[in-house]
Amino acid sequence: MPEAQSTHFKVASYNIRKAIGTDRVRNPVRVLNVLREIDADIVVLQEADRRFGRRESVLPPFLVERHSHYRAVPFDVQHDSMGWHGNAILVRSDIEVAHHDIVHIPYLEPRGVVTARLGIAGQEISVFGMHLDLSGLWRKRQARAITDLAEQAQSERPTLMMGDLNEWRTSGGCFNEFGKHFTVLDCGRSFHSRRPVAKLDRIMHCPRLRAVDCGVHESSLAAQASDHLPVWAEFRL
């Protein structure tokens, strides 16, 4: 019998700092141009909504439509927001959104997780997007809660977790929780974008996914668009 054809896709995680660049200018089109450079199929964003007031999205839908091939997964939490506590998921227009949800996690600062079940070339994967607490104790609690949910998901389909973990250490801490059942990719240093010194942004995957390549997206535009650089990874199902 012929071998089943594998599905190849690319993902990215990007803390866009509410579209405020290192020049202190808010420029959402610049962020979308960075995403165009990366050309991923699925993008998880952090700090995609304003922090106070109505917490509207810093990437208005008409700009996303005009300057990219993405659409936002609708979480239906707040009318003007793109995501939940600033976490959002963008998908290429030909990717099916089979299910989406928000996840409440233990927190010291207001935090949340977004998740979606996505169809790619006839196969489904689960994606979790997150931005963890500044407190190490709360990061571990959050990682434990997220991993429990992701473990349930990966029993049914391949599962990815992505986001800004706020973990300055390269081992221990929240990695002890995530590493029990998931592979934590070392994409490289992503913070600060002008002179990267820390690997705060991470992509993690279950054994049902094979990582082909990963890295940090470094360009002159990315160095200006946010204080974080995007991280990316390519997978085969």
C-alpha atoms as a PDB file:
ATOM      1  CA  MET A   1       0.000   0.000   0.000  1.00  0.00           C
ATOM      2  CA  PRO A   2       1.266   3.538  -0.705  1.00  0.00           C
ATOM      3  CA  GLU A   3       2.337   5.644   2.267  1.00  0.00           C
ATOM      4  CA  ALA A   4      -0.153   8.188   3.604  1.00  0.00           C
ATOM      5  CA  GLN A   5       0.752  11.708   2.532  1.00  0.00           C
ATOM      6  CA  SER A   6       2.117  13.803   5.401  1.00  0.00           C
ATOM      7  CA  THR A   7       0.791  17.292   6.151  1.00  0.00           C
ATOM      8  CA  HIS A   8       3.396  20.027   6.441  1.00  0.00           C
ATOM      9  CA  PHE A   9       2.540  23.332   8.120  1.00  0.00           C
ATOM     10  CA  LYS A  10       4.176  26.323   9.821  1.00  0.00           C
ATOM     11  CA  VAL A  11       3.198  28.071  13.057  1.00  0.00           C
ATOM     12  CA  ALA A  12       4.396  31.201  14.836  1.00  0.00           C
ATOM     13  CA  SER A  13       4.035  32.878  18.219  1.00  0.00           C
ATOM     14  CA  TYR A  14       4.405  36.641  18.588  1.00  0.00           C
ATOM     15  CA  ASN A  15       4.023  39.054  21.504  1.00  0.00           C
ATOM     16  CA  ILE A  16       3.128  42.219  19.591  1.00  0.00           C
ATOM     17  CA  ARG A  17       3.072  44.541  22.654  1.00  0.00           C
ATOM     18  CA  LYS A  18      -0.229  46.119  21.607  1.00  0.00           C
ATOM     19  CA  ALA A  19       1.431  47.025  18.255  1.00  0.00           C
ATOM     20  CA  ILE A  20       3.758  49.528  19.957  1.00  0.00           C
ATOM     21  CA  GLY A  21       7.229  49.259  18.462  1.00  0.00           C
ATOM     22  CA  THR A  22      10.646  49.939  19.950  1.00  0.00           C
ATOM     23  CA  ASP A  23      10.283  53.452  18.511  1.00  0.00           C
ATOM     24  CA  ARG A  24       7.227  53.873  20.820  1.00  0.00           C
ATOM     25  CA  VAL A  25       4.914  54.248  17.819  1.00  0.00           C
ATOM     26  CA  ARG A  26       1.747  52.153  17.578  1.00  0.00           C
ATOM     27  CA  ASN A  27       1.767  50.704  14.045  1.00  0.00           C
ATOM     28  CA  PRO A  28      -0.488  47.678  13.468  1.00  0.00           C
ATOM     29  CA  VAL A  29       0.318  47.512   9.750  1.00  0.00           C
ATOM     30  CA  ARG A  30       3.987  47.032  10.636  1.00  0.00           C
ATOM     31  CA  VAL A  31       3.053  44.021  12.785  1.00  0.00           C
ATOM     32  CA  LEU A  32       1.026  42.550   9.913  1.00  0.00           C
ATOM     33  CA  ASN A  33       3.972  43.080   7.567  1.00  0.00           C
ATOM     34  CA  VAL A  34       6.163  41.075   9.968  1.00  0.00           C
ATOM     35  CA  LEU A  35       3.587  38.272   9.862  1.00  0.00           C
ATOM     36  CA  ARG A  36       3.720  38.422   6.086  1.00  0.00           C
ATOM     37  CA  GLU A  37       7.503  37.939   6.272  1.00  0.00           C
ATOM     38  CA  ILE A  38       7.079  34.821   8.433  1.00  0.00           C
ATOM     39  CA  ASP A  39       4.295  33.402   6.225  1.00  0.00           C
ATOM     40  CA  ALA A  40       2.991  30.906   8.815  1.00  0.00           C
ATOM     41  CA  ASP A  41      -0.271  28.994   8.526  1.00  0.00           C
ATOM     42  CA  ILE A  42      -1.246  29.550  12.175  1.00  0.00           C
ATOM     43  CA  VAL A  43      -0.165  32.456  14.401  1.00  0.00           C
ATOM     44  CA  VAL A  44      -0.701  32.816  18.142  1.00  0.00           C
ATOM     45  CA  LEU A  45      -0.513  36.424  19.365  1.00  0.00           C
ATOM     46  CA  GLN A  46      -0.021  37.906  22.815  1.00  0.00           C
ATOM     47  CA  GLU A  47      -0.948  41.477  23.824  1.00  0.00           C
ATOM     48  CA  ALA A  48      -3.218  41.714  20.791  1.00  0.00           C
ATOM     49  CA  ASP A  49      -5.819  43.822  22.643  1.00  0.00           C
ATOM     50  CA  ARG A  50      -5.544  47.081  24.526  1.00  0.00           C
ATOM     51  CA  ARG A  51      -5.157  46.582  28.249  1.00  0.00           C
ATOM     52  CA  PHE A  52      -7.732  49.029  29.614  1.00  0.00           C
ATOM     53  CA  GLY A  53     -11.123  50.490  28.722  1.00  0.00           C
ATOM     54  CA  ARG A  54     -13.018  48.528  26.085  1.00  0.00           C
ATOM     55  CA  ARG A  55      -9.891  46.442  25.414  1.00  0.00           C
ATOM     56  CA  GLU A  56     -10.401  46.666  21.673  1.00  0.00           C
ATOM     57  CA  SER A  57      -8.101  44.858  19.279  1.00  0.00           C
ATOM     58  CA  VAL A  58      -4.967  46.678  18.164  1.00  0.00           C
ATOM     59  CA  LEU A  59      -5.294  44.833  14.831  1.00  0.00           C
ATOM     60  CA  PRO A  60      -8.696  45.938  13.470  1.00  0.00           C
ATOM     61  CA  PRO A  61     -10.378  43.318  11.242  1.00  0.00           C
ATOM     62  CA  PHE A  62     -10.290  45.541   8.161  1.00  0.00           C
ATOM     63  CA  LEU A  63      -6.505  45.899   8.480  1.00  0.00           C
ATOM     64  CA  VAL A  64      -6.025  42.162   8.973  1.00  0.00           C
ATOM     65  CA  GLU A  65      -8.123  41.503   5.873  1.00  0.00           C
ATOM     66  CA  ARG A  66      -6.377  44.163   3.786  1.00  0.00           C
ATOM     67  CA  HIS A  67      -2.772  43.459   4.782  1.00  0.00           C
ATOM     68  CA  SER A  68      -2.673  39.695   5.367  1.00  0.00           C
ATOM     69  CA  HIS A  69      -4.120  36.342   4.356  1.00  0.00           C
ATOM     70  CA  TYR A  70      -5.344  35.681   7.924  1.00  0.00           C
ATOM     71  CA  ARG A  71      -8.598  35.770   9.804  1.00  0.00           C
ATOM     72  CA  ALA A  72      -8.958  35.834  13.578  1.00  0.00           C
ATOM     73  CA  VAL A  73     -10.484  32.875  15.404  1.00  0.00           C
ATOM     74  CA  PRO A  74     -13.645  34.355  17.001  1.00  0.00           C
ATOM     75  CA  PHE A  75     -13.730  33.878  20.759  1.00  0.00           C
ATOM     76  CA  ASP A  76     -16.912  35.941  21.265  1.00  0.00           C
ATOM     77  CA  VAL A  77     -15.852  37.253  24.666  1.00  0.00           C
ATOM     78  CA  GLN A  78     -15.797  41.015  24.127  1.00  0.00           C
ATOM     79  CA  HIS A  79     -17.235  42.754  21.090  1.00  0.00           C
ATOM     80  CA  ASP A  80     -14.201  44.871  20.152  1.00  0.00           C
ATOM     81  CA  SER A  81     -11.480  42.461  21.275  1.00  0.00           C
ATOM     82  CA  MET A  82      -9.630  40.032  19.061  1.00  0.00           C
ATOM     83  CA  GLY A  83      -8.901  37.512  21.804  1.00  0.00           C
ATOM     84  CA  TRP A  84      -9.009  36.830  25.532  1.00  0.00           C
ATOM     85  CA  HIS A  85      -6.698  38.695  27.904  1.00  0.00           C
ATOM     86  CA  GLY A  86      -4.732  39.729  24.813  1.00  0.00           C
ATOM     87  CA  ASN A  87      -4.260  36.171  23.519  1.00  0.00           C
ATOM     88  CA  ALA A  88      -5.476  35.594  19.958  1.00  0.00           C
ATOM     89  CA  ILE A  89      -5.148  33.043  17.157  1.00  0.00           C
ATOM     90  CA  LEU A  90      -4.895  33.947  13.473  1.00  0.00           C
ATOM     91  CA  VAL A  91      -5.329  31.301  10.796  1.00  0.00           C
ATOM     92  CA  ARG A  92      -4.803  31.260   7.061  1.00  0.00           C
ATOM     93  CA  SER A  93      -8.075  31.661   5.160  1.00  0.00           C
ATOM     94  CA  ASP A  94      -8.182  28.017   3.991  1.00  0.00           C
ATOM     95  CA  ILE A  95      -7.878  26.547   7.502  1.00  0.00           C
ATOM     96  CA  GLU A  96     -11.120  25.342   9.050  1.00  0.00           C
ATOM     97  CA  VAL A  97     -11.976  26.435  12.591  1.00  0.00           C
ATOM     98  CA  ALA A  98     -13.885  23.441  13.958  1.00  0.00           C
ATOM     99  CA  HIS A  99     -14.088  24.653  17.566  1.00  0.00           C
ATOM    100  CA  HIS A 100     -12.781  27.473  19.756  1.00  0.00           C
ATOM    101  CA  ASP A 101     -12.839  28.266  23.453  1.00  0.00           C
ATOM    102  CA  ILE A 102     -11.318  30.328  26.243  1.00  0.00           C
ATOM    103  CA  VAL A 103      -9.680  28.767  29.283  1.00  0.00           C
ATOM    104  CA  HIS A 104      -9.663  30.230  32.785  1.00  0.00           C
ATOM    105  CA  ILE A 105      -6.405  29.556  34.634  1.00  0.00           C
ATOM    106  CA  PRO A 106      -5.172  30.404  38.157  1.00  0.00           C
ATOM    107  CA  TYR A 107      -3.552  33.839  38.183  1.00  0.00           C
ATOM    108  CA  LEU A 108      -1.990  36.647  40.191  1.00  0.00           C
ATOM    109  CA  GLU A 109      -2.234  39.054  37.234  1.00  0.00           C
ATOM    110  CA  PRO A 110      -5.262  38.799  34.888  1.00  0.00           C
ATOM    111  CA  ARG A 111      -4.389  35.933  32.531  1.00  0.00           C
ATOM    112  CA  GLY A 112      -6.216  33.512  30.272  1.00  0.00           C
ATOM    113  CA  VAL A 113      -5.654  30.955  27.533  1.00  0.00           C
ATOM    114  CA  VAL A 114      -7.259  30.586  24.109  1.00  0.00           C
ATOM    115  CA  THR A 115      -7.635  27.301  22.282  1.00  0.00           C
ATOM    116  CA  ALA A 116      -8.944  26.138  18.912  1.00  0.00           C
ATOM    117  CA  ARG A 117      -9.428  22.906  17.009  1.00  0.00           C
ATOM    118  CA  LEU A 118      -8.258  23.499  13.457  1.00  0.00           C
ATOM    119  CA  GLY A 119      -8.575  21.524  10.248  1.00  0.00           C
ATOM    120  CA  ILE A 120      -5.536  21.408   7.963  1.00  0.00           C
ATOM    121  CA  ALA A 121      -5.725  19.390   4.724  1.00  0.00           C
ATOM    122  CA  GLY A 122      -8.364  17.107   6.184  1.00  0.00           C
ATOM    123  CA  GLN A 123      -6.589  16.542   9.521  1.00  0.00           C
ATOM    124  CA  GLU A 124      -7.343  18.214  12.850  1.00  0.00           C
ATOM    125  CA  ILE A 125      -4.955  19.680  15.409  1.00  0.00           C
ATOM    126  CA  SER A 126      -5.503  21.460  18.727  1.00  0.00           C
ATOM    127  CA  VAL A 127      -3.733  24.759  19.431  1.00  0.00           C
ATOM    128  CA  PHE A 128      -3.357  26.532  22.779  1.00  0.00           C
ATOM    129  CA  GLY A 129      -2.177  30.153  23.018  1.00  0.00           C
ATOM    130  CA  MET A 130      -0.955  31.652  26.273  1.00  0.00           C
ATOM    131  CA  HIS A 131       0.839  34.477  28.065  1.00  0.00           C
ATOM    132  CA  LEU A 132       1.967  33.368  31.505  1.00  0.00           C
ATOM    133  CA  ASP A 133       2.374  35.270  34.766  1.00  0.00           C
ATOM    134  CA  LEU A 134       5.464  37.183  35.852  1.00  0.00           C
ATOM    135  CA  SER A 135       5.453  35.210  39.117  1.00  0.00           C
ATOM    136  CA  GLY A 136       7.308  31.888  38.961  1.00  0.00           C
ATOM    137  CA  LEU A 137       4.948  30.238  41.451  1.00  0.00           C
ATOM    138  CA  TRP A 138       1.878  31.215  39.423  1.00  0.00           C
ATOM    139  CA  ARG A 139       3.564  30.230  36.149  1.00  0.00           C
ATOM    140  CA  LYS A 140       3.961  26.683  37.473  1.00  0.00           C
ATOM    141  CA  ARG A 141       0.320  26.550  38.537  1.00  0.00           C
ATOM    142  CA  GLN A 142      -0.760  27.876  35.151  1.00  0.00           C
ATOM    143  CA  ALA A 143       1.459  25.415  33.288  1.00  0.00           C
ATOM    144  CA  ARG A 144      -0.022  22.531  35.279  1.00  0.00           C
ATOM    145  CA  ALA A 145      -3.586  23.599  34.445  1.00  0.00           C
ATOM    146  CA  ILE A 146      -2.823  24.108  30.741  1.00  0.00           C
ATOM    147  CA  THR A 147      -0.916  20.843  30.424  1.00  0.00           C
ATOM    148  CA  ASP A 148      -3.821  18.898  31.959  1.00  0.00           C
ATOM    149  CA  LEU A 149      -6.146  20.274  29.268  1.00  0.00           C
ATOM    150  CA  ALA A 150      -3.613  19.801  26.482  1.00  0.00           C
ATOM    151  CA  GLU A 151      -3.073  16.208  27.573  1.00  0.00           C
ATOM    152  CA  GLN A 152      -6.780  15.540  27.124  1.00  0.00           C
ATOM    153  CA  ALA A 153      -6.676  17.162  23.684  1.00  0.00           C
ATOM    154  CA  GLN A 154      -3.643  15.215  22.478  1.00  0.00           C
ATOM    155  CA  SER A 155      -5.324  11.931  23.318  1.00  0.00           C
ATOM    156  CA  GLU A 156      -7.705  12.777  20.467  1.00  0.00           C
ATOM    157  CA  ARG A 157      -5.545  14.784  18.022  1.00  0.00           C
ATOM    158  CA  PRO A 158      -2.049  16.305  17.614  1.00  0.00           C
ATOM    159  CA  THR A 159      -1.636  19.268  19.962  1.00  0.00           C
ATOM    160  CA  LEU A 160       0.487  22.432  20.052  1.00  0.00           C
ATOM    161  CA  MET A 161       1.023  25.002  22.791  1.00  0.00           C
ATOM    162  CA  MET A 162       2.574  28.396  22.059  1.00  0.00           C
ATOM    163  CA  GLY A 163       3.111  31.741  23.715  1.00  0.00           C
ATOM    164  CA  ASP A 164       5.114  34.062  25.909  1.00  0.00           C
ATOM    165  CA  LEU A 165       5.988  31.959  28.951  1.00  0.00           C
ATOM    166  CA  ASN A 166       7.782  34.804  30.788  1.00  0.00           C
ATOM    167  CA  GLU A 167      10.295  32.162  31.925  1.00  0.00           C
ATOM    168  CA  TRP A 168      13.844  33.529  31.979  1.00  0.00           C
ATOM    169  CA  ARG A 169      15.352  30.202  32.999  1.00  0.00           C
ATOM    170  CA  THR A 170      16.126  27.581  30.365  1.00  0.00           C
ATOM    171  CA  SER A 171      15.087  24.687  32.617  1.00  0.00           C
ATOM    172  CA  GLY A 172      13.038  24.105  35.753  1.00  0.00           C
ATOM    173  CA  GLY A 173      10.095  26.306  36.648  1.00  0.00           C
ATOM    174  CA  CYS A 174       7.121  25.909  34.316  1.00  0.00           C
ATOM    175  CA  PHE A 175       9.241  23.725  32.002  1.00  0.00           C
ATOM    176  CA  ASN A 176       8.975  20.950  34.590  1.00  0.00           C
ATOM    177  CA  GLU A 177       5.220  20.874  33.977  1.00  0.00           C
ATOM    178  CA  PHE A 178       5.216  21.349  30.204  1.00  0.00           C
ATOM    179  CA  GLY A 179       8.103  18.925  29.700  1.00  0.00           C
ATOM    180  CA  LYS A 180       6.309  15.978  31.321  1.00  0.00           C
ATOM    181  CA  HIS A 181       4.254  15.251  28.216  1.00  0.00           C
ATOM    182  CA  PHE A 182       5.317  17.806  25.588  1.00  0.00           C
ATOM    183  CA  THR A 183       8.519  18.711  23.773  1.00  0.00           C
ATOM    184  CA  VAL A 184       9.582  22.322  24.414  1.00  0.00           C
ATOM    185  CA  LEU A 185      11.348  23.634  21.312  1.00  0.00           C
ATOM    186  CA  ASP A 186      14.390  25.857  21.680  1.00  0.00           C
ATOM    187  CA  CYS A 187      13.651  28.399  18.963  1.00  0.00           C
ATOM    188  CA  GLY A 188      16.223  30.884  20.225  1.00  0.00           C
ATOM    189  CA  ARG A 189      16.395  34.236  22.007  1.00  0.00           C
ATOM    190  CA  SER A 190      13.363  36.402  21.329  1.00  0.00           C
ATOM    191  CA  PHE A 191      13.552  39.198  23.944  1.00  0.00           C
ATOM    192  CA  HIS A 192      14.537  42.059  23.723  1.00  0.00           C
ATOM    193  CA  SER A 193      14.049  42.423  19.979  1.00  0.00           C
ATOM    194  CA  ARG A 194      16.919  44.882  19.476  1.00  0.00           C
ATOM    195  CA  ARG A 195      19.385  42.792  21.474  1.00  0.00           C
ATOM    196  CA  PRO A 196      17.873  39.383  22.287  1.00  0.00           C
ATOM    197  CA  VAL A 197      19.043  37.910  25.595  1.00  0.00           C
ATOM    198  CA  ALA A 198      16.148  35.677  26.749  1.00  0.00           C
ATOM    199  CA  LYS A 199      14.098  32.779  25.347  1.00  0.00           C
ATOM    200  CA  LEU A 200      10.739  33.939  26.669  1.00  0.00           C
ATOM    201  CA  ASP A 201       8.644  32.835  23.683  1.00  0.00           C
ATOM    202  CA  ARG A 202       8.192  29.102  23.167  1.00  0.00           C
ATOM    203  CA  ILE A 203       6.474  26.506  21.000  1.00  0.00           C
ATOM    204  CA  MET A 204       5.662  23.078  22.463  1.00  0.00           C
ATOM    205  CA  HIS A 205       4.278  19.965  20.784  1.00  0.00           C
ATOM    206  CA  CYS A 206       3.026  16.483  21.589  1.00  0.00           C
ATOM    207  CA  PRO A 207       4.685  13.283  20.271  1.00  0.00           C
ATOM    208  CA  ARG A 208       2.116  13.026  17.461  1.00  0.00           C
ATOM    209  CA  LEU A 209       3.781  15.968  15.722  1.00  0.00           C
ATOM    210  CA  ARG A 210       7.255  15.957  14.202  1.00  0.00           C
ATOM    211  CA  ALA A 211       9.172  19.254  14.328  1.00  0.00           C
ATOM    212  CA  VAL A 212      11.021  19.801  11.055  1.00  0.00           C
ATOM    213  CA  ASP A 213      12.644  23.140  11.900  1.00  0.00           C
ATOM    214  CA  CYS A 214      12.254  26.114  14.239  1.00  0.00           C
ATOM    215  CA  GLY A 215      13.789  29.486  14.921  1.00  0.00           C
ATOM    216  CA  VAL A 216      13.437  33.183  15.731  1.00  0.00           C
ATOM    217  CA  HIS A 217      12.333  35.518  12.955  1.00  0.00           C
ATOM    218  CA  GLU A 218      14.959  38.250  12.842  1.00  0.00           C
ATOM    219  CA  SER A 219      14.521  41.116  10.413  1.00  0.00           C
ATOM    220  CA  SER A 220      14.959  44.877  10.566  1.00  0.00           C
ATOM    221  CA  LEU A 221      11.183  45.244  10.560  1.00  0.00           C
ATOM    222  CA  ALA A 222      10.692  42.720  13.397  1.00  0.00           C
ATOM    223  CA  ALA A 223      13.352  44.503  15.470  1.00  0.00           C
ATOM    224  CA  GLN A 224      11.172  47.635  15.354  1.00  0.00           C
ATOM    225  CA  ALA A 225       7.621  46.280  15.436  1.00  0.00           C
ATOM    226  CA  SER A 226       7.633  44.990  19.058  1.00  0.00           C
ATOM    227  CA  ASP A 227      10.000  44.374  21.964  1.00  0.00           C
ATOM    228  CA  HIS A 228       9.673  40.624  21.245  1.00  0.00           C
ATOM    229  CA  LEU A 229      10.787  38.812  18.121  1.00  0.00           C
ATOM    230  CA  PRO A 230       8.416  36.186  16.708  1.00  0.00           C
ATOM    231  CA  VAL A 231       9.310  32.503  17.036  1.00  0.00           C
ATOM    232  CA  TRP A 232       8.256  29.910  14.457  1.00  0.00           C
ATOM    233  CA  ALA A 233       8.298  26.181  13.838  1.00  0.00           C
ATOM    234  CA  GLU A 234       7.512  23.828  10.962  1.00  0.00           C
ATOM    235  CA  PHE A 235       5.790  20.501  11.595  1.00  0.00           C
ATOM    236  CA  ARG A 236       4.736  17.323   9.878  1.00  0.00           C
ATOM    237  CA  LEU A 237       1.700  15.341  10.971  1.00  0.00           C
END
